[in-house]
């Protein structure tokens, strides 16, 4: 998935350069229309990719929602993979966007810390505490995904 993110970012970085090149070289109206159509298609593909990534992040919890206390190690492993994926995506956003506000970065960092703490609790939860621990883990995951969306939205608006 990381390659997809890097490819998408590369496409977005090259689109303005391609547009400037074609405009300055005096392309015909039909060529300019083709370029505009290609730009629109690339933007649509990027939106589709982003939406599918967000759907998969939001759905990560659905994969483990029914797990019992006996399956807690599988829950922790599955959610750790989803967390690592989200962290990699957040790091890519941070690396490629200089203008992220401290507020949005701090919100994500706080949500990540809360989720990590909740994952530790889930890994140690007894059967009696499982339902409440699992509920806390779900809420922490939802907050982390929302914080990531805010980070992503701010990065894309800059």
C-alpha atoms as a PDB file:
ATOM      1  CA  UNK A   1       0.000   0.000   0.000  1.00  0.00           C
ATOM      2  CA  UNK A   2       2.905   2.312   0.642  1.00  0.00           C
ATOM      3  CA  UNK A   3       3.875   2.137  -3.025  1.00  0.00           C
ATOM      4  CA  UNK A   4       0.358   3.219  -3.952  1.00  0.00           C
ATOM      5  CA  UNK A   5       0.610   6.210  -1.643  1.00  0.00           C
ATOM      6  CA  UNK A   6       3.980   7.195  -3.060  1.00  0.00           C
ATOM      7  CA  UNK A   7       2.737   6.722  -6.643  1.00  0.00           C
ATOM      8  CA  UNK A   8      -0.326   8.848  -5.952  1.00  0.00           C
ATOM      9  CA  UNK A   9       1.794  11.553  -4.352  1.00  0.00           C
ATOM     10  CA  UNK A  10       4.200  11.472  -7.291  1.00  0.00           C
ATOM     11  CA  UNK A  11       1.308  11.874  -9.729  1.00  0.00           C
ATOM     12  CA  UNK A  12      -0.033  14.836  -7.783  1.00  0.00           C
ATOM     13  CA  UNK A  13       3.424  16.420  -7.693  1.00  0.00           C
ATOM     14  CA  UNK A  14       3.903  16.008 -11.445  1.00  0.00           C
ATOM     15  CA  UNK A  15       0.479  17.214 -12.543  1.00  0.00           C
ATOM     16  CA  UNK A  16       1.180  20.955 -12.080  1.00  0.00           C
ATOM     17  CA  UNK A  17       4.530  20.602 -13.866  1.00  0.00           C
ATOM     18  CA  UNK A  18       2.900  18.807 -16.786  1.00  0.00           C
ATOM     19  CA  UNK A  19       0.238  21.498 -17.039  1.00  0.00           C
ATOM     20  CA  UNK A  20       2.794  24.315 -17.010  1.00  0.00           C
ATOM     21  CA  UNK A  21       4.925  22.547 -19.615  1.00  0.00           C
ATOM     22  CA  UNK A  22       2.033  22.022 -21.995  1.00  0.00           C
ATOM     23  CA  UNK A  23       0.730  25.548 -21.589  1.00  0.00           C
ATOM     24  CA  UNK A  24       4.136  27.170 -22.108  1.00  0.00           C
ATOM     25  CA  UNK A  25       4.911  25.031 -25.158  1.00  0.00           C
ATOM     26  CA  UNK A  26       1.739  26.253 -26.813  1.00  0.00           C
ATOM     27  CA  UNK A  27      -0.252  23.069 -27.118  1.00  0.00           C
ATOM     28  CA  UNK A  28      -3.335  23.078 -29.280  1.00  0.00           C
ATOM     29  CA  UNK A  29      -6.834  23.400 -27.847  1.00  0.00           C
ATOM     30  CA  UNK A  30      -7.476  19.698 -28.383  1.00  0.00           C
ATOM     31  CA  UNK A  31      -4.220  18.791 -26.616  1.00  0.00           C
ATOM     32  CA  UNK A  32      -5.074  21.130 -23.777  1.00  0.00           C
ATOM     33  CA  UNK A  33      -8.503  19.483 -23.471  1.00  0.00           C
ATOM     34  CA  UNK A  34      -6.844  16.077 -23.332  1.00  0.00           C
ATOM     35  CA  UNK A  35      -4.531  17.316 -20.584  1.00  0.00           C
ATOM     36  CA  UNK A  36      -7.456  18.708 -18.614  1.00  0.00           C
ATOM     37  CA  UNK A  37      -9.306  15.402 -18.983  1.00  0.00           C
ATOM     38  CA  UNK A  38      -6.212  13.504 -17.826  1.00  0.00           C
ATOM     39  CA  UNK A  39      -5.897  15.808 -14.823  1.00  0.00           C
ATOM     40  CA  UNK A  40      -9.549  15.261 -13.942  1.00  0.00           C
ATOM     41  CA  UNK A  41      -9.121  11.495 -14.269  1.00  0.00           C
ATOM     42  CA  UNK A  42      -6.033  11.570 -12.031  1.00  0.00           C
ATOM     43  CA  UNK A  43      -7.860  13.614  -9.417  1.00  0.00           C
ATOM     44  CA  UNK A  44     -10.829  11.211  -9.501  1.00  0.00           C
ATOM     45  CA  UNK A  45      -8.490   8.227  -9.108  1.00  0.00           C
ATOM     46  CA  UNK A  46      -6.760   9.875  -6.154  1.00  0.00           C
ATOM     47  CA  UNK A  47     -10.097  10.555  -4.463  1.00  0.00           C
ATOM     48  CA  UNK A  48     -11.216   6.956  -5.071  1.00  0.00           C
ATOM     49  CA  UNK A  49      -7.955   5.643  -3.622  1.00  0.00           C
ATOM     50  CA  UNK A  50      -8.246   7.883  -0.582  1.00  0.00           C
ATOM     51  CA  UNK A  51     -11.860   6.848  -0.019  1.00  0.00           C
ATOM     52  CA  UNK A  52     -11.019   3.155  -0.288  1.00  0.00           C
ATOM     53  CA  UNK A  53      -8.100   3.570   2.128  1.00  0.00           C
ATOM     54  CA  UNK A  54     -10.322   5.368   4.622  1.00  0.00           C
ATOM     55  CA  UNK A  55     -12.994   2.697   4.236  1.00  0.00           C
ATOM     56  CA  UNK A  56     -10.440  -0.024   4.965  1.00  0.00           C
ATOM     57  CA  UNK A  57      -9.153   1.858   8.026  1.00  0.00           C
ATOM     58  CA  UNK A  58     -12.657   2.372   9.339  1.00  0.00           C
ATOM     59  CA  UNK A  59     -13.513  -1.259   8.606  1.00  0.00           C
ATOM     60  CA  UNK A  60     -10.427  -2.575  10.415  1.00  0.00           C
ATOM     61  CA  UNK A  61     -12.403  -2.685  13.630  1.00  0.00           C
ATOM     62  CA  UNK A  62     -15.239  -4.614  11.984  1.00  0.00           C
ATOM     63  CA  UNK A  63     -12.808  -7.472  11.339  1.00  0.00           C
ATOM     64  CA  UNK A  64     -12.235  -7.961  15.075  1.00  0.00           C
ATOM     65  CA  UNK A  65     -15.449  -6.658  16.633  1.00  0.00           C
ATOM     66  CA  UNK A  66     -16.760 -10.117  17.459  1.00  0.00           C
ATOM     67  CA  UNK A  67     -13.555 -11.455  18.960  1.00  0.00           C
ATOM     68  CA  UNK A  68     -13.802 -12.963  22.417  1.00  0.00           C
ATOM     69  CA  UNK A  69     -11.322 -12.700  25.269  1.00  0.00           C
ATOM     70  CA  UNK A  70      -9.830 -15.989  24.052  1.00  0.00           C
ATOM     71  CA  UNK A  71      -9.049 -14.279  20.744  1.00  0.00           C
ATOM     72  CA  UNK A  72      -7.508 -11.146  22.262  1.00  0.00           C
ATOM     73  CA  UNK A  73      -4.040 -11.884  20.813  1.00  0.00           C
ATOM     74  CA  UNK A  74      -5.520 -12.009  17.308  1.00  0.00           C
ATOM     75  CA  UNK A  75      -7.387  -8.763  17.969  1.00  0.00           C
ATOM     76  CA  UNK A  76      -4.201  -7.068  19.167  1.00  0.00           C
ATOM     77  CA  UNK A  77      -2.189  -8.378  16.190  1.00  0.00           C
ATOM     78  CA  UNK A  78      -4.826  -7.321  13.652  1.00  0.00           C
ATOM     79  CA  UNK A  79      -5.270  -3.879  15.145  1.00  0.00           C
ATOM     80  CA  UNK A  80      -1.495  -3.431  15.488  1.00  0.00           C
ATOM     81  CA  UNK A  81      -1.159  -4.023  11.745  1.00  0.00           C
ATOM     82  CA  UNK A  82      -3.897  -1.461  11.065  1.00  0.00           C
ATOM     83  CA  UNK A  83      -2.218   0.977  13.483  1.00  0.00           C
ATOM     84  CA  UNK A  84       1.170   0.536  11.780  1.00  0.00           C
ATOM     85  CA  UNK A  85      -0.449   1.181   8.406  1.00  0.00           C
ATOM     86  CA  UNK A  86      -2.098   4.330   9.719  1.00  0.00           C
ATOM     87  CA  UNK A  87       1.149   5.543  11.304  1.00  0.00           C
ATOM     88  CA  UNK A  88       3.014   5.044   8.005  1.00  0.00           C
ATOM     89  CA  UNK A  89       0.378   7.024   6.165  1.00  0.00           C
ATOM     90  CA  UNK A  90       0.513   9.807   8.746  1.00  0.00           C
ATOM     91  CA  UNK A  91       4.311   9.933   8.484  1.00  0.00           C
ATOM     92  CA  UNK A  92       4.048  10.234   4.698  1.00  0.00           C
ATOM     93  CA  UNK A  93       1.619  13.122   5.086  1.00  0.00           C
ATOM     94  CA  UNK A  94       3.916  14.848   7.557  1.00  0.00           C
ATOM     95  CA  UNK A  95       6.927  14.372   5.309  1.00  0.00           C
ATOM     96  CA  UNK A  96       5.155  15.767   2.262  1.00  0.00           C
ATOM     97  CA  UNK A  97       3.364  18.705   3.869  1.00  0.00           C
ATOM     98  CA  UNK A  98       5.275  21.454   5.627  1.00  0.00           C
ATOM     99  CA  UNK A  99       2.229  23.473   6.632  1.00  0.00           C
ATOM    100  CA  UNK A 100       0.431  21.132   9.029  1.00  0.00           C
ATOM    101  CA  UNK A 101      -0.753  22.928  12.139  1.00  0.00           C
ATOM    102  CA  UNK A 102       0.544  21.907  15.533  1.00  0.00           C
ATOM    103  CA  UNK A 103      -3.067  21.412  16.601  1.00  0.00           C
ATOM    104  CA  UNK A 104      -3.797  18.716  14.023  1.00  0.00           C
ATOM    105  CA  UNK A 105      -0.431  17.003  14.594  1.00  0.00           C
ATOM    106  CA  UNK A 106      -0.927  17.037  18.373  1.00  0.00           C
ATOM    107  CA  UNK A 107      -4.457  15.670  18.010  1.00  0.00           C
ATOM    108  CA  UNK A 108      -3.147  12.749  15.979  1.00  0.00           C
ATOM    109  CA  UNK A 109      -0.256  12.110  18.374  1.00  0.00           C
ATOM    110  CA  UNK A 110      -2.582  12.165  21.389  1.00  0.00           C
ATOM    111  CA  UNK A 111      -5.023   9.799  19.698  1.00  0.00           C
ATOM    112  CA  UNK A 112      -2.145   7.470  18.770  1.00  0.00           C
ATOM    113  CA  UNK A 113      -0.901   7.385  22.361  1.00  0.00           C
ATOM    114  CA  UNK A 114      -4.397   6.703  23.658  1.00  0.00           C
ATOM    115  CA  UNK A 115      -4.835   3.882  21.163  1.00  0.00           C
ATOM    116  CA  UNK A 116      -1.468   2.318  22.051  1.00  0.00           C
ATOM    117  CA  UNK A 117      -2.398   2.448  25.734  1.00  0.00           C
ATOM    118  CA  UNK A 118      -5.774   0.875  25.023  1.00  0.00           C
ATOM    119  CA  UNK A 119      -4.098  -1.866  22.978  1.00  0.00           C
ATOM    120  CA  UNK A 120      -1.924  -2.727  25.975  1.00  0.00           C
ATOM    121  CA  UNK A 121      -5.057  -3.032  28.086  1.00  0.00           C
ATOM    122  CA  UNK A 122      -6.687  -5.230  25.452  1.00  0.00           C
ATOM    123  CA  UNK A 123      -3.664  -7.512  25.405  1.00  0.00           C
ATOM    124  CA  UNK A 124      -3.911  -8.007  29.167  1.00  0.00           C
ATOM    125  CA  UNK A 125      -7.694  -7.969  29.602  1.00  0.00           C
ATOM    126  CA  UNK A 126      -9.327 -10.684  31.631  1.00  0.00           C
ATOM    127  CA  UNK A 127     -12.516 -12.305  30.447  1.00  0.00           C
ATOM    128  CA  UNK A 128     -14.502 -10.267  32.996  1.00  0.00           C
ATOM    129  CA  UNK A 129     -13.077  -6.981  31.704  1.00  0.00           C
ATOM    130  CA  UNK A 130     -13.095  -7.952  28.031  1.00  0.00           C
ATOM    131  CA  UNK A 131     -16.298  -6.243  26.900  1.00  0.00           C
ATOM    132  CA  UNK A 132     -15.452  -2.878  28.463  1.00  0.00           C
ATOM    133  CA  UNK A 133     -11.834  -3.085  27.291  1.00  0.00           C
ATOM    134  CA  UNK A 134     -12.927  -3.939  23.767  1.00  0.00           C
ATOM    135  CA  UNK A 135     -15.363  -1.013  23.787  1.00  0.00           C
ATOM    136  CA  UNK A 136     -12.568   1.337  24.877  1.00  0.00           C
ATOM    137  CA  UNK A 137     -10.307  -0.027  22.147  1.00  0.00           C
ATOM    138  CA  UNK A 138     -13.002   0.538  19.509  1.00  0.00           C
ATOM    139  CA  UNK A 139     -13.512   4.135  20.661  1.00  0.00           C
ATOM    140  CA  UNK A 140      -9.772   4.777  20.699  1.00  0.00           C
ATOM    141  CA  UNK A 141      -9.499   3.398  17.144  1.00  0.00           C
ATOM    142  CA  UNK A 142     -12.365   5.577  15.923  1.00  0.00           C
ATOM    143  CA  UNK A 143     -10.749   8.657  17.483  1.00  0.00           C
ATOM    144  CA  UNK A 144      -7.419   7.795  15.859  1.00  0.00           C
ATOM    145  CA  UNK A 145      -9.006   7.394  12.418  1.00  0.00           C
ATOM    146  CA  UNK A 146     -10.796  10.736  12.837  1.00  0.00           C
ATOM    147  CA  UNK A 147      -7.535  12.404  13.873  1.00  0.00           C
ATOM    148  CA  UNK A 148      -5.852  10.910  10.805  1.00  0.00           C
ATOM    149  CA  UNK A 149      -8.657  12.221   8.575  1.00  0.00           C
ATOM    150  CA  UNK A 150      -8.098  15.709   9.993  1.00  0.00           C
ATOM    151  CA  UNK A 151      -4.364  15.391   9.312  1.00  0.00           C
ATOM    152  CA  UNK A 152      -5.027  14.162   5.779  1.00  0.00           C
ATOM    153  CA  UNK A 153      -7.603  16.867   5.071  1.00  0.00           C
ATOM    154  CA  UNK A 154      -5.273  19.625   6.250  1.00  0.00           C
ATOM    155  CA  UNK A 155      -2.383  18.193   4.222  1.00  0.00           C
ATOM    156  CA  UNK A 156      -4.503  18.049   1.068  1.00  0.00           C
ATOM    157  CA  UNK A 157      -5.729  21.628   1.503  1.00  0.00           C
ATOM    158  CA  UNK A 158      -2.169  23.020   1.657  1.00  0.00           C
END
